[in-house]
Protein backbone atom coordinates (compact mmCIF):
# COMPACT_ATOMS: atom_id res chain seq x y z
CA MET A 1 0.06 -0.07 -0.19
CA LYS A 2 1.34 3.16 -0.98
CA LEU A 3 0.38 6.44 0.98
CA SER A 4 1.00 9.90 -0.49
CA ARG A 5 1.85 12.53 1.93
CA ARG A 6 -0.16 15.88 1.38
CA GLN A 7 1.76 18.67 0.00
CA ARG A 8 1.98 21.33 2.59
CA THR A 9 1.29 24.88 0.98
CA ALA A 10 4.09 27.24 2.23
CA SER A 11 2.56 30.31 4.15
CA GLU A 12 4.09 33.52 3.76
CA VAL A 13 3.75 36.79 5.38
CA TYR A 14 4.11 39.90 2.77
CA SER A 15 6.02 42.39 5.05
CA HIS A 16 5.97 44.98 2.11
CA SER A 17 3.65 47.46 3.84
CA LEU A 18 5.10 46.78 7.18
CA ASN A 19 7.97 49.28 5.94
CA ASP A 20 5.41 52.16 5.32
CA ILE A 21 4.05 51.68 8.79
CA MET A 22 7.09 51.81 10.61
CA PHE A 23 8.13 54.81 8.87
CA PHE A 24 4.86 56.58 9.30
CA LEU A 25 4.90 55.75 12.93
CA LEU A 26 8.32 56.70 13.38
CA LEU A 27 7.65 60.33 11.87
CA PHE A 28 4.76 60.41 14.16
CA PHE A 29 7.03 59.82 17.11
CA LEU A 30 9.95 62.09 16.02
CA ILE A 31 7.13 64.75 15.69
CA ALA A 32 5.18 64.35 18.68
CA SER A 33 8.80 64.04 20.77
CA THR A 34 9.80 67.48 19.70
CA MET A 35 6.44 69.18 20.40
CA ALA A 36 6.02 67.69 23.94
CA THR A 37 7.58 70.17 26.75
CA PRO A 38 8.88 68.08 29.64
CA SER A 39 7.70 69.76 33.04
CA VAL A 40 11.12 68.61 34.78
CA LEU A 41 12.65 71.64 34.94
CA LYS A 42 10.95 74.88 35.90
CA LEU A 43 12.79 77.75 34.47
CA LEU A 44 12.09 81.35 35.41
CA LEU A 45 12.04 83.08 32.05
CA PRO A 46 12.01 87.15 31.22
CA ASN A 47 8.73 88.59 30.91
CA SER A 48 8.39 90.91 28.51
CA LYS A 49 4.64 92.28 29.13
CA THR A 50 6.23 95.55 30.42
CA GLY A 51 8.73 98.02 29.48
CA ILE A 52 9.55 98.85 32.96
CA GLN A 53 13.23 97.58 33.90
CA SER A 54 13.45 97.08 37.90
CA VAL A 55 16.70 96.93 39.62
CA LYS A 56 17.02 94.69 41.79
CA HIS A 57 20.12 94.19 44.03
CA PRO A 58 20.21 90.69 44.97
CA LEU A 59 21.46 89.00 48.07
CA VAL A 60 24.87 87.61 47.55
CA ILE A 61 25.72 84.56 49.18
CA SER A 62 29.42 83.30 48.68
CA VAL A 63 30.98 80.18 49.72
CA SER A 64 35.00 79.67 49.33
CA ALA A 65 36.86 76.53 48.36
CA ASP A 66 37.56 76.01 52.14
CA LEU A 67 33.90 76.05 52.84
CA GLN A 68 33.49 79.56 54.54
CA PHE A 69 30.15 81.01 53.82
CA GLY A 70 29.58 84.61 53.28
CA ILE A 71 26.37 86.78 52.97
CA ASN A 72 26.96 90.28 51.13
CA ASP A 73 30.85 90.15 52.03
CA GLN A 74 30.18 89.22 55.74
CA VAL A 75 31.60 85.95 57.21
CA VAL A 76 28.84 83.80 58.52
CA PRO A 77 29.18 80.49 60.20
CA ARG A 78 27.58 77.37 58.63
CA ASP A 79 25.03 76.85 61.29
CA GLN A 80 23.82 80.50 61.23
CA VAL A 81 23.73 81.14 57.34
CA GLU A 82 19.80 80.23 57.40
CA ALA A 83 19.19 83.10 59.88
CA ALA A 84 21.60 85.43 58.25
CA VAL A 85 19.84 85.19 54.77
CA VAL A 86 16.13 85.55 56.30
CA ALA A 87 17.47 88.63 58.13
CA ALA A 88 18.87 89.74 55.31
CA VAL A 89 15.75 89.63 53.11
CA LYS A 90 13.00 90.45 55.52
CA GLY A 91 11.03 93.25 54.12
CA ILE A 92 11.98 92.20 50.54
CA THR A 93 9.19 91.59 48.05
CA ASP A 94 10.04 88.82 45.62
CA PRO A 95 13.78 88.47 47.18
CA THR A 96 16.66 87.11 44.85
CA ALA A 97 19.80 85.68 45.84
CA LEU A 98 23.26 85.21 43.53
CA LEU A 99 24.99 82.19 44.47
CA LYS A 100 28.57 82.60 44.01
CA VAL A 101 30.03 79.06 44.75
CA ASP A 102 33.64 77.93 44.19
CA LYS A 103 33.96 74.82 41.87
CA ALA A 104 35.76 72.95 44.53
CA VAL A 105 32.95 72.92 46.70
CA PRO A 106 30.74 69.89 47.33
CA TRP A 107 27.33 69.61 46.15
CA GLN A 108 25.79 68.83 49.25
CA ASP A 109 26.75 72.38 50.57
CA VAL A 110 25.35 74.09 47.39
CA VAL A 111 22.19 71.90 48.11
CA PHE A 112 21.95 73.32 51.28
CA LEU A 113 21.99 76.79 50.17
CA LEU A 114 19.38 75.90 47.57
CA ASP A 115 17.07 74.04 50.31
CA ILE A 116 17.27 77.49 52.56
CA GLY A 117 15.86 79.25 49.28
CA ASN A 118 13.15 76.80 48.89
CA LYS A 119 12.07 76.86 52.56
CA ASN A 120 11.88 80.93 52.44
CA LYS A 121 10.94 81.37 49.19
CA ILE A 122 14.15 82.85 47.65
CA LYS A 123 14.98 82.63 44.03
CA MET A 124 18.18 81.46 43.70
CA VAL A 125 20.70 82.27 40.69
CA ALA A 126 23.93 80.49 40.40
CA ALA A 127 27.01 82.93 38.95
CA THR A 128 29.35 81.17 36.86
CA ASN A 129 32.46 82.45 34.90
CA VAL A 130 32.20 82.96 31.01
CA THR A 131 34.67 80.50 29.05
CA LYS A 132 35.46 80.66 25.74
CA ILE A 133 35.22 77.72 23.28
CA ASN A 134 38.32 77.86 20.77
CA GLN A 135 36.95 76.58 17.61
């Protein structure tokens, strides 16, 4: 007795249209990602609604490389920094502090100053040196 096997049909997946779909998905996600605004960093951007410029004299907080804290050119011990900052901005509406921190200072001390500003609702601005890039 001769048994014959059935011929199996080869199944194929046509992937020619998948290339077009993948291209359109890539294009969609690229456009969507450039339009999405991340809310990770809250930046204080300049406002141009009024033409009046107010001259602000910010509180200057400086930290030297040997971790000596200074507020408006007065040396203050670390444990009295918060009290001195609060006393310096007392009565000022919308206080601003300029941080002049040496680059050798550990980040923990910078975060310590930022935490003081955050608790007392003081805007903190970091002062940096301008470096030129040679091309």
